[in-house]
Amino acid sequence: MPTPIEQTLAIINSPDSKLRDISPIVYRLTDDHPEHTTKFRYVDQTCCASGTMRNWMSTEYGNDKWQMETELKKDCITFALVRNPHERWWSGARSWMNNLPWYSWWENEQLMHDYFPHFNRFTTSQWQILDQVEVDHYIKVDSDLADRFANFCRKNKLLQYGRLKKYKNHRHQDDKVMQMENKGRSQLEKFLRENKEWRDKLEEFLAPDYAYWDKVSGQA
């Protein structure tokens, strides 16, 4: 019987797998609202308040009003959220741990050699997505996102009724899952401290993200 890691590798290596896909996901927002003279596009990034943003789009524009866009037009204003690169990657790595709970997958040479540090879409770097899209506005993700986004909506006349509601992933409400993720992160951090090759590879992978983080790090 295949081990959990062997099963995961089979899924990743499948020709139909989109686990590591880096195609931009862009949503159109205002095309069907006649009061909006400007068309807006939102570039979705995993582990970058994406659940919060999808909740906002559903609440303000309705499930049938925001749809994935396949072609970006020049007459649109496009915005994206940017998060601290290391903070975002670790959030994605914790999510990835749910594919292999309680297994030290970083000790599997094939998995690490072939995929570290980009295992799935949750562990992409931001530059892999944003380099493909012409973005007009970048918004910083941190504890002040609600106020910052409210100002953005007011300035651009985007719909927002009430305060931005933070989406909390169901994983974060399960004590056993949190225990597993905390243990996994602690073990992986120890592994990286003790293995400079992999630590350097992660730093090299995330370094270009800081060009985007520098654009927003000073936002109030």
N, C-alpha and C. Protein backbone atom coordinates (compact mmCIF):
# COMPACT_ATOMS: atom_id res chain seq x y z
N MET A 1 0.85 -1.20 0.00
CA MET A 1 0.00 0.00 0.00
C MET A 1 0.88 1.24 0.00
N PRO A 2 0.58 2.23 -0.86
CA PRO A 2 1.43 3.43 -0.93
C PRO A 2 1.40 4.20 0.39
N THR A 3 2.52 4.80 0.72
CA THR A 3 2.59 5.65 1.90
C THR A 3 1.89 6.97 1.60
N PRO A 4 1.56 7.74 2.64
CA PRO A 4 0.93 9.06 2.39
C PRO A 4 1.77 9.95 1.48
N ILE A 5 3.09 9.92 1.65
CA ILE A 5 3.94 10.75 0.78
C ILE A 5 3.91 10.24 -0.65
N GLU A 6 3.92 8.93 -0.84
CA GLU A 6 3.85 8.38 -2.20
C GLU A 6 2.52 8.74 -2.86
N GLN A 7 1.44 8.73 -2.09
CA GLN A 7 0.14 9.12 -2.63
C GLN A 7 0.14 10.59 -3.03
N THR A 8 0.76 11.42 -2.20
CA THR A 8 0.82 12.85 -2.50
C THR A 8 1.66 13.12 -3.73
N LEU A 9 2.79 12.44 -3.84
CA LEU A 9 3.64 12.61 -5.02
C LEU A 9 2.91 12.19 -6.29
N ALA A 10 2.13 11.14 -6.20
CA ALA A 10 1.37 10.69 -7.37
C ALA A 10 0.37 11.75 -7.81
N ILE A 11 -0.25 12.42 -6.84
CA ILE A 11 -1.20 13.48 -7.17
C ILE A 11 -0.47 14.66 -7.81
N ILE A 12 0.64 15.09 -7.21
CA ILE A 12 1.39 16.23 -7.73
C ILE A 12 1.89 15.95 -9.14
N ASN A 13 2.36 14.74 -9.36
CA ASN A 13 2.97 14.39 -10.65
C ASN A 13 1.94 14.03 -11.72
N SER A 14 0.68 13.96 -11.35
CA SER A 14 -0.34 13.62 -12.33
C SER A 14 -0.42 14.71 -13.40
N PRO A 15 -0.55 14.32 -14.68
CA PRO A 15 -0.65 15.32 -15.76
C PRO A 15 -1.81 16.29 -15.57
N ASP A 16 -2.85 15.85 -14.86
CA ASP A 16 -4.02 16.69 -14.65
C ASP A 16 -3.93 17.56 -13.39
N SER A 17 -2.85 17.40 -12.64
CA SER A 17 -2.74 18.12 -11.37
C SER A 17 -2.53 19.61 -11.60
N LYS A 18 -3.24 20.40 -10.80
CA LYS A 18 -3.07 21.86 -10.83
C LYS A 18 -2.62 22.37 -9.47
N LEU A 19 -2.07 21.47 -8.67
CA LEU A 19 -1.65 21.84 -7.33
C LEU A 19 -0.63 22.97 -7.33
N ARG A 20 0.28 22.95 -8.32
CA ARG A 20 1.35 23.94 -8.35
C ARG A 20 1.11 25.02 -9.41
N ASP A 21 -0.11 25.12 -9.87
CA ASP A 21 -0.44 26.09 -10.92
C ASP A 21 -0.20 27.52 -10.44
N ILE A 22 0.41 28.34 -11.29
CA ILE A 22 0.67 29.73 -10.93
C ILE A 22 -0.05 30.70 -11.87
N SER A 23 -1.07 30.21 -12.57
CA SER A 23 -1.85 31.10 -13.42
C SER A 23 -2.57 32.12 -12.54
N PRO A 24 -2.55 33.39 -12.91
CA PRO A 24 -3.23 34.40 -12.09
C PRO A 24 -4.74 34.14 -12.03
N ILE A 25 -5.32 34.34 -10.86
CA ILE A 25 -6.77 34.28 -10.69
C ILE A 25 -7.24 35.72 -10.51
N VAL A 26 -8.00 36.19 -11.48
CA VAL A 26 -8.43 37.59 -11.48
C VAL A 26 -9.95 37.62 -11.55
N TYR A 27 -10.57 38.43 -10.69
CA TYR A 27 -12.02 38.55 -10.66
C TYR A 27 -12.46 39.93 -11.14
N ARG A 28 -13.52 39.95 -11.92
CA ARG A 28 -14.12 41.23 -12.32
C ARG A 28 -15.20 41.59 -11.31
N LEU A 29 -15.31 42.88 -11.02
CA LEU A 29 -16.20 43.29 -9.94
C LEU A 29 -17.39 44.13 -10.37
N THR A 30 -17.15 45.12 -11.20
CA THR A 30 -18.16 46.17 -11.37
C THR A 30 -18.79 46.24 -12.75
N ASP A 31 -18.51 45.31 -13.61
CA ASP A 31 -19.00 45.39 -14.99
C ASP A 31 -20.52 45.45 -15.07
N ASP A 32 -21.21 44.76 -14.16
CA ASP A 32 -22.67 44.66 -14.22
C ASP A 32 -23.38 45.70 -13.37
N HIS A 33 -22.62 46.67 -12.86
CA HIS A 33 -23.21 47.71 -12.04
C HIS A 33 -23.13 49.04 -12.78
N PRO A 34 -24.25 49.53 -13.29
CA PRO A 34 -24.23 50.73 -14.12
C PRO A 34 -23.73 51.97 -13.40
N GLU A 35 -23.80 51.97 -12.04
CA GLU A 35 -23.33 53.15 -11.32
C GLU A 35 -21.81 53.26 -11.34
N HIS A 36 -21.14 52.19 -11.71
CA HIS A 36 -19.68 52.21 -11.78
C HIS A 36 -19.25 52.53 -13.21
N THR A 37 -18.58 53.65 -13.38
CA THR A 37 -18.07 54.00 -14.71
C THR A 37 -16.71 53.39 -14.96
N THR A 38 -16.05 52.96 -13.90
CA THR A 38 -14.73 52.33 -14.02
C THR A 38 -14.84 50.85 -13.70
N LYS A 39 -14.18 50.04 -14.47
CA LYS A 39 -14.19 48.59 -14.24
C LYS A 39 -13.01 48.21 -13.35
N PHE A 40 -13.30 47.40 -12.36
CA PHE A 40 -12.27 46.98 -11.42
C PHE A 40 -12.01 45.48 -11.53
N ARG A 41 -10.75 45.14 -11.30
CA ARG A 41 -10.32 43.75 -11.27
C ARG A 41 -9.52 43.51 -9.98
N TYR A 42 -9.77 42.35 -9.38
CA TYR A 42 -9.05 41.97 -8.17
C TYR A 42 -8.22 40.72 -8.44
N VAL A 43 -6.92 40.79 -8.14
CA VAL A 43 -6.01 39.65 -8.32
C VAL A 43 -5.96 38.87 -7.01
N ASP A 44 -6.45 37.64 -7.04
CA ASP A 44 -6.52 36.81 -5.84
C ASP A 44 -5.21 36.09 -5.61
N GLN A 45 -4.75 36.11 -4.36
CA GLN A 45 -3.56 35.35 -3.97
C GLN A 45 -3.87 34.55 -2.71
N THR A 46 -3.56 33.28 -2.73
CA THR A 46 -3.78 32.45 -1.55
C THR A 46 -2.97 32.97 -0.38
N CYS A 47 -3.50 32.76 0.82
CA CYS A 47 -2.84 33.15 2.06
C CYS A 47 -2.54 34.64 2.10
N CYS A 48 -3.39 35.41 1.44
CA CYS A 48 -3.22 36.86 1.38
C CYS A 48 -4.59 37.51 1.57
N ALA A 49 -5.27 37.11 2.65
CA ALA A 49 -6.63 37.58 2.95
C ALA A 49 -7.59 37.25 1.83
N SER A 50 -7.33 36.15 1.11
CA SER A 50 -8.17 35.80 -0.03
C SER A 50 -9.59 35.42 0.40
N GLY A 51 -9.71 34.70 1.51
CA GLY A 51 -11.04 34.35 2.01
C GLY A 51 -11.82 35.59 2.42
N THR A 52 -11.15 36.52 3.05
CA THR A 52 -11.78 37.77 3.45
C THR A 52 -12.26 38.54 2.22
N MET A 53 -11.44 38.58 1.18
CA MET A 53 -11.81 39.32 -0.02
C MET A 53 -12.96 38.65 -0.76
N ARG A 54 -12.97 37.33 -0.82
CA ARG A 54 -14.08 36.64 -1.50
C ARG A 54 -15.38 36.83 -0.72
N ASN A 55 -15.27 36.87 0.61
CA ASN A 55 -16.45 37.15 1.43
C ASN A 55 -16.97 38.56 1.14
N TRP A 56 -16.06 39.53 1.00
CA TRP A 56 -16.45 40.90 0.67
C TRP A 56 -17.13 40.94 -0.71
N MET A 57 -16.57 40.27 -1.69
CA MET A 57 -17.15 40.29 -3.03
C MET A 57 -18.54 39.66 -3.03
N SER A 58 -18.71 38.55 -2.32
CA SER A 58 -20.02 37.89 -2.26
C SER A 58 -21.04 38.77 -1.57
N THR A 59 -20.62 39.42 -0.48
CA THR A 59 -21.53 40.25 0.29
C THR A 59 -21.95 41.50 -0.48
N GLU A 60 -20.99 42.16 -1.10
CA GLU A 60 -21.27 43.45 -1.71
C GLU A 60 -21.73 43.35 -3.17
N TYR A 61 -21.26 42.35 -3.87
CA TYR A 61 -21.56 42.28 -5.30
C TYR A 61 -22.39 41.06 -5.68
N GLY A 62 -22.63 40.17 -4.72
CA GLY A 62 -23.44 38.99 -5.02
C GLY A 62 -22.64 37.92 -5.72
N ASN A 63 -22.99 36.68 -5.47
CA ASN A 63 -22.23 35.57 -6.02
C ASN A 63 -22.22 35.54 -7.55
N ASP A 64 -23.23 36.15 -8.17
CA ASP A 64 -23.31 36.10 -9.63
C ASP A 64 -22.70 37.34 -10.27
N LYS A 65 -22.16 38.24 -9.47
CA LYS A 65 -21.65 39.49 -10.02
C LYS A 65 -20.13 39.55 -10.08
N TRP A 66 -19.47 38.68 -9.37
CA TRP A 66 -18.00 38.66 -9.47
C TRP A 66 -17.60 37.31 -10.05
N GLN A 67 -16.93 37.37 -11.14
CA GLN A 67 -16.57 36.16 -11.88
C GLN A 67 -15.11 36.21 -12.29
N MET A 68 -14.55 35.03 -12.50
CA MET A 68 -13.16 34.96 -12.90
C MET A 68 -13.00 35.53 -14.30
N GLU A 69 -11.96 36.32 -14.46
CA GLU A 69 -11.70 36.97 -15.73
C GLU A 69 -10.55 36.26 -16.43
N THR A 70 -10.72 36.02 -17.71
CA THR A 70 -9.68 35.32 -18.47
C THR A 70 -8.80 36.28 -19.26
N GLU A 71 -9.28 37.50 -19.44
CA GLU A 71 -8.51 38.46 -20.23
C GLU A 71 -8.59 39.83 -19.56
N LEU A 72 -7.44 40.39 -19.22
CA LEU A 72 -7.40 41.71 -18.60
C LEU A 72 -7.42 42.78 -19.68
N LYS A 73 -8.30 43.75 -19.51
CA LYS A 73 -8.41 44.82 -20.48
C LYS A 73 -7.73 46.08 -19.94
N LYS A 74 -7.26 46.90 -20.84
CA LYS A 74 -6.50 48.07 -20.44
C LYS A 74 -7.37 49.13 -19.79
N ASP A 75 -8.68 49.06 -19.98
CA ASP A 75 -9.54 50.08 -19.41
C ASP A 75 -10.01 49.72 -17.99
N CYS A 76 -9.36 48.74 -17.38
CA CYS A 76 -9.71 48.30 -16.03
C CYS A 76 -8.68 48.81 -15.02
N ILE A 77 -9.13 49.01 -13.80
CA ILE A 77 -8.23 49.28 -12.69
C ILE A 77 -8.07 47.99 -11.90
N THR A 78 -6.86 47.55 -11.76
CA THR A 78 -6.58 46.25 -11.12
C THR A 78 -5.88 46.47 -9.79
N PHE A 79 -6.35 45.75 -8.75
CA PHE A 79 -5.69 45.85 -7.45
C PHE A 79 -5.39 44.46 -6.90
N ALA A 80 -4.39 44.42 -6.04
CA ALA A 80 -3.96 43.16 -5.43
C ALA A 80 -3.52 43.42 -4.00
N LEU A 81 -3.64 42.40 -3.17
CA LEU A 81 -3.17 42.49 -1.79
C LEU A 81 -1.80 41.85 -1.69
N VAL A 82 -0.94 42.42 -0.85
CA VAL A 82 0.42 41.93 -0.67
C VAL A 82 0.68 41.73 0.81
N ARG A 83 1.25 40.58 1.14
CA ARG A 83 1.52 40.23 2.54
C ARG A 83 3.02 40.03 2.74
N ASN A 84 3.47 40.19 3.97
CA ASN A 84 4.87 39.92 4.28
C ASN A 84 5.26 38.55 3.72
N PRO A 85 6.30 38.47 2.89
CA PRO A 85 6.60 37.23 2.16
C PRO A 85 6.81 36.00 3.05
N HIS A 86 7.61 36.15 4.11
CA HIS A 86 7.86 34.99 4.96
C HIS A 86 6.60 34.59 5.73
N GLU A 87 5.88 35.58 6.23
CA GLU A 87 4.65 35.30 6.96
C GLU A 87 3.67 34.56 6.06
N ARG A 88 3.54 35.00 4.82
CA ARG A 88 2.60 34.37 3.90
C ARG A 88 3.03 32.94 3.55
N TRP A 89 4.33 32.74 3.30
CA TRP A 89 4.79 31.40 2.92
C TRP A 89 4.54 30.42 4.07
N TRP A 90 4.81 30.84 5.30
CA TRP A 90 4.61 29.93 6.42
C TRP A 90 3.13 29.61 6.61
N SER A 91 2.27 30.57 6.32
CA SER A 91 0.83 30.28 6.36
C SER A 91 0.48 29.21 5.34
N GLY A 92 1.06 29.31 4.14
CA GLY A 92 0.82 28.32 3.11
C GLY A 92 1.42 26.97 3.46
N ALA A 93 2.60 26.99 4.08
CA ALA A 93 3.24 25.74 4.49
C ALA A 93 2.40 25.01 5.53
N ARG A 94 1.80 25.77 6.44
CA ARG A 94 0.93 25.16 7.44
C ARG A 94 -0.27 24.51 6.77
N SER A 95 -0.81 25.18 5.76
CA SER A 95 -1.93 24.59 5.02
C SER A 95 -1.50 23.31 4.32
N TRP A 96 -0.30 23.33 3.73
CA TRP A 96 0.23 22.15 3.04
C TRP A 96 0.39 20.98 3.99
N MET A 97 0.70 21.27 5.24
CA MET A 97 0.89 20.20 6.22
C MET A 97 -0.36 19.35 6.39
N ASN A 98 -1.53 19.90 6.04
CA ASN A 98 -2.77 19.13 6.15
C ASN A 98 -2.84 18.02 5.10
N ASN A 99 -2.00 18.11 4.06
CA ASN A 99 -1.93 17.03 3.08
C ASN A 99 -1.17 15.82 3.65
N LEU A 100 -0.28 16.10 4.58
CA LEU A 100 0.56 15.03 5.14
C LEU A 100 0.65 15.19 6.66
N PRO A 101 -0.46 15.17 7.36
CA PRO A 101 -0.41 15.43 8.80
C PRO A 101 0.45 14.43 9.57
N TRP A 102 1.26 14.99 10.45
CA TRP A 102 2.11 14.23 11.35
C TRP A 102 3.25 13.50 10.64
N TYR A 103 3.50 13.82 9.37
CA TYR A 103 4.61 13.18 8.67
C TYR A 103 5.69 14.22 8.39
N SER A 104 6.92 13.90 8.67
CA SER A 104 8.02 14.83 8.41
C SER A 104 8.39 14.76 6.94
N TRP A 105 7.55 15.35 6.09
CA TRP A 105 7.73 15.24 4.64
C TRP A 105 8.99 15.93 4.16
N TRP A 106 9.54 16.87 4.96
CA TRP A 106 10.79 17.54 4.57
C TRP A 106 11.99 16.61 4.65
N GLU A 107 11.79 15.42 5.22
CA GLU A 107 12.87 14.44 5.26
C GLU A 107 12.81 13.50 4.05
N ASN A 108 11.82 13.70 3.17
CA ASN A 108 11.72 12.92 1.94
C ASN A 108 12.51 13.64 0.85
N GLU A 109 13.63 13.05 0.42
CA GLU A 109 14.54 13.71 -0.51
C GLU A 109 13.88 14.03 -1.85
N GLN A 110 13.06 13.11 -2.36
CA GLN A 110 12.43 13.35 -3.65
C GLN A 110 11.48 14.54 -3.60
N LEU A 111 10.67 14.57 -2.55
CA LEU A 111 9.70 15.66 -2.40
C LEU A 111 10.41 17.00 -2.28
N MET A 112 11.45 17.06 -1.47
CA MET A 112 12.16 18.31 -1.27
C MET A 112 12.93 18.72 -2.53
N HIS A 113 13.57 17.78 -3.16
CA HIS A 113 14.37 18.09 -4.34
C HIS A 113 13.49 18.59 -5.48
N ASP A 114 12.34 17.98 -5.66
CA ASP A 114 11.49 18.32 -6.80
C ASP A 114 10.62 19.55 -6.56
N TYR A 115 10.23 19.80 -5.29
CA TYR A 115 9.18 20.80 -5.09
C TYR A 115 9.48 21.90 -4.07
N PHE A 116 10.36 21.70 -3.15
CA PHE A 116 10.61 22.74 -2.15
C PHE A 116 11.18 23.99 -2.80
N PRO A 117 10.65 25.18 -2.46
CA PRO A 117 9.63 25.46 -1.44
C PRO A 117 8.23 25.67 -2.02
N HIS A 118 8.03 25.35 -3.31
CA HIS A 118 6.73 25.57 -3.96
C HIS A 118 6.04 24.22 -4.13
N PHE A 119 5.28 23.81 -3.10
CA PHE A 119 4.61 22.52 -3.14
C PHE A 119 3.26 22.59 -3.84
N ASN A 120 2.54 23.67 -3.57
CA ASN A 120 1.18 23.81 -4.13
C ASN A 120 0.88 25.30 -4.25
N ARG A 121 -0.36 25.63 -4.61
CA ARG A 121 -0.68 27.04 -4.83
C ARG A 121 -0.59 27.85 -3.54
N PHE A 122 -0.73 27.21 -2.40
CA PHE A 122 -0.63 27.92 -1.13
C PHE A 122 0.81 28.31 -0.81
N THR A 123 1.76 27.67 -1.44
CA THR A 123 3.17 27.99 -1.19
C THR A 123 3.84 28.61 -2.41
N THR A 124 3.05 29.25 -3.26
CA THR A 124 3.65 30.06 -4.31
C THR A 124 4.32 31.27 -3.66
N SER A 125 5.16 31.92 -4.42
CA SER A 125 5.63 33.24 -4.00
C SER A 125 4.75 34.26 -4.69
N GLN A 126 4.71 35.46 -4.16
CA GLN A 126 3.82 36.47 -4.73
C GLN A 126 4.31 36.94 -6.10
N TRP A 127 5.62 36.96 -6.29
CA TRP A 127 6.13 37.44 -7.58
C TRP A 127 5.73 36.49 -8.71
N GLN A 128 5.56 35.21 -8.42
CA GLN A 128 5.16 34.27 -9.46
C GLN A 128 3.81 34.64 -10.06
N ILE A 129 2.94 35.21 -9.24
CA ILE A 129 1.61 35.63 -9.71
C ILE A 129 1.65 37.06 -10.23
N LEU A 130 2.17 37.96 -9.43
CA LEU A 130 2.08 39.39 -9.73
C LEU A 130 2.93 39.81 -10.92
N ASP A 131 3.99 39.08 -11.19
CA ASP A 131 4.80 39.40 -12.36
C ASP A 131 4.03 39.21 -13.66
N GLN A 132 2.93 38.47 -13.60
CA GLN A 132 2.16 38.18 -14.82
C GLN A 132 1.02 39.17 -15.06
N VAL A 133 0.78 40.07 -14.09
CA VAL A 133 -0.38 40.96 -14.16
C VAL A 133 0.06 42.41 -14.00
N GLU A 134 -0.55 43.28 -14.76
CA GLU A 134 -0.30 44.71 -14.59
C GLU A 134 -1.24 45.24 -13.53
N VAL A 135 -0.70 45.54 -12.37
CA VAL A 135 -1.50 45.95 -11.21
C VAL A 135 -1.37 47.45 -11.00
N ASP A 136 -2.50 48.10 -10.75
CA ASP A 136 -2.51 49.55 -10.53
C ASP A 136 -2.37 49.92 -9.06
N HIS A 137 -2.94 49.10 -8.18
CA HIS A 137 -2.92 49.41 -6.75
C HIS A 137 -2.56 48.16 -5.96
N TYR A 138 -1.60 48.32 -5.05
CA TYR A 138 -1.24 47.25 -4.12
C TYR A 138 -1.69 47.66 -2.72
N ILE A 139 -2.26 46.71 -1.97
CA ILE A 139 -2.77 47.00 -0.64
C ILE A 139 -2.10 46.06 0.36
N LYS A 140 -1.58 46.62 1.41
CA LYS A 140 -0.85 45.86 2.42
C LYS A 140 -1.79 45.04 3.29
N VAL A 141 -1.41 43.79 3.51
CA VAL A 141 -2.17 42.90 4.40
C VAL A 141 -1.48 42.85 5.76
N ASP A 142 -2.17 43.34 6.76
CA ASP A 142 -1.73 43.22 8.15
C ASP A 142 -2.96 43.43 9.04
N SER A 143 -2.75 43.69 10.31
CA SER A 143 -3.89 43.82 11.23
C SER A 143 -4.74 45.05 10.94
N ASP A 144 -4.24 46.00 10.16
CA ASP A 144 -4.99 47.21 9.82
C ASP A 144 -5.63 47.14 8.44
N LEU A 145 -5.74 45.94 7.88
CA LEU A 145 -6.28 45.81 6.53
C LEU A 145 -7.70 46.38 6.43
N ALA A 146 -8.53 46.16 7.43
CA ALA A 146 -9.93 46.60 7.35
C ALA A 146 -10.02 48.11 7.14
N ASP A 147 -9.25 48.88 7.90
CA ASP A 147 -9.28 50.34 7.75
C ASP A 147 -8.67 50.75 6.41
N ARG A 148 -7.60 50.11 6.04
CA ARG A 148 -6.91 50.45 4.79
C ARG A 148 -7.81 50.16 3.59
N PHE A 149 -8.50 49.02 3.64
CA PHE A 149 -9.36 48.65 2.52
C PHE A 149 -10.61 49.53 2.48
N ALA A 150 -11.11 49.94 3.64
CA ALA A 150 -12.26 50.84 3.67
C ALA A 150 -11.92 52.16 2.98
N ASN A 151 -10.72 52.66 3.23
CA ASN A 151 -10.28 53.89 2.57
C ASN A 151 -10.17 53.70 1.06
N PHE A 152 -9.69 52.54 0.66
CA PHE A 152 -9.57 52.24 -0.77
C PHE A 152 -10.95 52.20 -1.43
N CYS A 153 -11.91 51.58 -0.75
CA CYS A 153 -13.27 51.49 -1.30
C CYS A 153 -13.91 52.87 -1.39
N ARG A 154 -13.74 53.69 -0.36
CA ARG A 154 -14.33 55.03 -0.40
C ARG A 154 -13.72 55.86 -1.53
N LYS A 155 -12.43 55.79 -1.66
CA LYS A 155 -11.74 56.57 -2.69
C LYS A 155 -12.18 56.17 -4.09
N ASN A 156 -12.43 54.88 -4.28
CA ASN A 156 -12.76 54.38 -5.62
C ASN A 156 -14.23 54.05 -5.81
N LYS A 157 -15.05 54.42 -4.80
CA LYS A 157 -16.50 54.22 -4.88
C LYS A 157 -16.88 52.74 -5.08
N LEU A 158 -16.13 51.86 -4.43
CA LEU A 158 -16.48 50.45 -4.42
C LEU A 158 -17.44 50.19 -3.26
N LEU A 159 -18.28 49.20 -3.42
CA LEU A 159 -19.29 48.91 -2.41
C LEU A 159 -18.65 48.32 -1.16
N GLN A 160 -19.04 48.85 -0.01
CA GLN A 160 -18.67 48.24 1.27
C GLN A 160 -19.62 48.75 2.34
N TYR A 161 -20.45 47.84 2.84
CA TYR A 161 -21.40 48.18 3.90
C TYR A 161 -20.85 47.61 5.20
N GLY A 162 -20.49 48.49 6.09
CA GLY A 162 -19.93 48.04 7.36
C GLY A 162 -18.46 47.71 7.25
N ARG A 163 -17.91 47.22 8.33
CA ARG A 163 -16.49 46.92 8.42
C ARG A 163 -16.17 45.62 7.70
N LEU A 164 -15.00 45.57 7.09
CA LEU A 164 -14.55 44.37 6.39
C LEU A 164 -14.52 43.20 7.37
N LYS A 165 -15.22 42.14 7.04
CA LYS A 165 -15.30 40.98 7.93
C LYS A 165 -14.16 40.01 7.63
N LYS A 166 -13.36 39.76 8.65
CA LYS A 166 -12.22 38.86 8.47
C LYS A 166 -12.70 37.42 8.40
N TYR A 167 -12.29 36.73 7.34
CA TYR A 167 -12.65 35.32 7.18
C TYR A 167 -11.67 34.47 7.98
N LYS A 168 -12.20 33.56 8.76
CA LYS A 168 -11.37 32.67 9.55
C LYS A 168 -11.48 31.26 9.00
N ASN A 169 -10.38 30.72 8.53
CA ASN A 169 -10.37 29.39 7.95
C ASN A 169 -10.84 28.37 8.99
N HIS A 170 -11.60 27.39 8.52
CA HIS A 170 -12.13 26.37 9.44
C HIS A 170 -11.01 25.61 10.13
N ARG A 171 -9.83 25.55 9.49
CA ARG A 171 -8.69 24.88 10.12
C ARG A 171 -8.33 25.53 11.44
N HIS A 172 -8.48 26.84 11.52
CA HIS A 172 -8.07 27.58 12.71
C HIS A 172 -9.05 27.43 13.85
N GLN A 173 -10.14 26.74 13.62
CA GLN A 173 -11.14 26.52 14.65
C GLN A 173 -11.12 25.08 15.17
N ASP A 174 -10.17 24.31 14.67
CA ASP A 174 -10.04 22.91 15.06
C ASP A 174 -8.77 22.75 15.88
N ASP A 175 -8.90 22.45 17.16
CA ASP A 175 -7.73 22.38 18.05
C ASP A 175 -6.73 21.33 17.60
N LYS A 176 -7.23 20.19 17.11
CA LYS A 176 -6.31 19.13 16.71
C LYS A 176 -5.52 19.52 15.47
N VAL A 177 -6.19 20.19 14.55
CA VAL A 177 -5.49 20.66 13.35
C VAL A 177 -4.44 21.70 13.72
N MET A 178 -4.80 22.63 14.59
CA MET A 178 -3.85 23.65 15.02
C MET A 178 -2.65 23.02 15.74
N GLN A 179 -2.93 21.99 16.54
CA GLN A 179 -1.85 21.30 17.23
C GLN A 179 -0.90 20.66 16.23
N MET A 180 -1.46 20.04 15.20
CA MET A 180 -0.65 19.41 14.17
C MET A 180 0.18 20.45 13.42
N GLU A 181 -0.45 21.55 13.04
CA GLU A 181 0.26 22.58 12.29
C GLU A 181 1.36 23.23 13.12
N ASN A 182 1.08 23.48 14.40
CA ASN A 182 2.09 24.09 15.27
C ASN A 182 3.29 23.17 15.43
N LYS A 183 3.02 21.88 15.61
CA LYS A 183 4.12 20.92 15.74
C LYS A 183 4.89 20.82 14.44
N GLY A 184 4.17 20.79 13.31
CA GLY A 184 4.83 20.70 12.02
C GLY A 184 5.71 21.90 11.75
N ARG A 185 5.21 23.09 12.04
CA ARG A 185 6.02 24.29 11.80
C ARG A 185 7.27 24.28 12.67
N SER A 186 7.11 23.91 13.93
CA SER A 186 8.26 23.86 14.84
C SER A 186 9.32 22.89 14.32
N GLN A 187 8.88 21.74 13.83
CA GLN A 187 9.83 20.75 13.31
C GLN A 187 10.49 21.23 12.03
N LEU A 188 9.71 21.86 11.15
CA LEU A 188 10.27 22.34 9.89
C LEU A 188 11.24 23.49 10.12
N GLU A 189 10.92 24.38 11.05
CA GLU A 189 11.84 25.47 11.39
C GLU A 189 13.17 24.91 11.90
N LYS A 190 13.10 23.88 12.73
CA LYS A 190 14.31 23.24 13.24
C LYS A 190 15.10 22.62 12.08
N PHE A 191 14.39 21.97 11.16
CA PHE A 191 15.04 21.35 10.00
C PHE A 191 15.77 22.41 9.17
N LEU A 192 15.14 23.53 8.94
CA LEU A 192 15.75 24.58 8.12
C LEU A 192 16.94 25.22 8.84
N ARG A 193 16.84 25.37 10.15
CA ARG A 193 17.99 25.91 10.89
C ARG A 193 19.21 25.01 10.76
N GLU A 194 18.95 23.72 10.70
CA GLU A 194 20.04 22.74 10.67
C GLU A 194 20.50 22.39 9.26
N ASN A 195 19.79 22.88 8.24
CA ASN A 195 20.11 22.53 6.86
C ASN A 195 20.16 23.80 6.01
N LYS A 196 21.35 24.36 5.92
CA LYS A 196 21.54 25.65 5.24
C LYS A 196 21.12 25.58 3.77
N GLU A 197 21.32 24.46 3.12
CA GLU A 197 20.96 24.33 1.70
C GLU A 197 19.50 24.66 1.46
N TRP A 198 18.62 24.08 2.28
CA TRP A 198 17.19 24.31 2.10
C TRP A 198 16.79 25.68 2.61
N ARG A 199 17.43 26.15 3.67
CA ARG A 199 17.13 27.48 4.19
C ARG A 199 17.47 28.55 3.14
N ASP A 200 18.62 28.38 2.50
CA ASP A 200 19.03 29.33 1.46
C ASP A 200 18.09 29.27 0.26
N LYS A 201 17.61 28.07 -0.05
CA LYS A 201 16.71 27.93 -1.20
C LYS A 201 15.40 28.66 -0.94
N LEU A 202 14.90 28.59 0.29
CA LEU A 202 13.69 29.32 0.64
C LEU A 202 13.92 30.82 0.55
N GLU A 203 15.06 31.28 1.07
CA GLU A 203 15.35 32.71 1.03
C GLU A 203 15.47 33.21 -0.41
N GLU A 204 16.09 32.43 -1.25
CA GLU A 204 16.23 32.81 -2.66
C GLU A 204 14.87 32.86 -3.35
N PHE A 205 14.00 31.93 -3.01
CA PHE A 205 12.67 31.86 -3.59
C PHE A 205 11.83 33.08 -3.22
N LEU A 206 11.95 33.53 -1.97
CA LEU A 206 11.12 34.62 -1.48
C LEU A 206 11.72 36.00 -1.72
N ALA A 207 13.00 36.07 -2.02
CA ALA A 207 13.67 37.37 -2.16
C ALA A 207 12.95 38.32 -3.13
N PRO A 208 12.52 37.87 -4.33
CA PRO A 208 11.85 38.80 -5.25
C PRO A 208 10.53 39.34 -4.71
N ASP A 209 9.92 38.64 -3.76
CA ASP A 209 8.66 39.11 -3.18
C ASP A 209 8.83 40.45 -2.48
N TYR A 210 10.05 40.70 -1.99
CA TYR A 210 10.25 41.92 -1.22
C TYR A 210 10.21 43.17 -2.09
N ALA A 211 10.34 43.02 -3.40
CA ALA A 211 10.13 44.16 -4.29
C ALA A 211 8.67 44.63 -4.21
N TYR A 212 7.75 43.66 -4.06
CA TYR A 212 6.34 44.00 -3.91
C TYR A 212 6.02 44.45 -2.49
N TRP A 213 6.62 43.78 -1.51
CA TRP A 213 6.39 44.17 -0.13
C TRP A 213 6.88 45.58 0.12
N ASP A 214 7.98 45.97 -0.50
CA ASP A 214 8.50 47.33 -0.33
C ASP A 214 7.52 48.38 -0.85
N LYS A 215 6.68 48.00 -1.81
CA LYS A 215 5.69 48.94 -2.34
C LYS A 215 4.61 49.29 -1.32
N VAL A 216 4.38 48.37 -0.38
CA VAL A 216 3.26 48.56 0.55
C VAL A 216 3.68 48.68 2.01
N SER A 217 4.92 48.33 2.33
CA SER A 217 5.31 48.22 3.74
C SER A 217 5.12 49.52 4.50
N GLY A 218 5.17 50.65 3.80
CA GLY A 218 5.01 51.94 4.48
C GLY A 218 3.58 52.44 4.53
N GLN A 219 2.63 51.65 4.03
CA GLN A 219 1.23 52.10 4.04
C GLN A 219 0.70 52.23 5.46
N ALA A 220 -0.01 53.33 5.72
CA ALA A 220 -0.57 53.55 7.05
C ALA A 220 -1.76 52.63 7.28
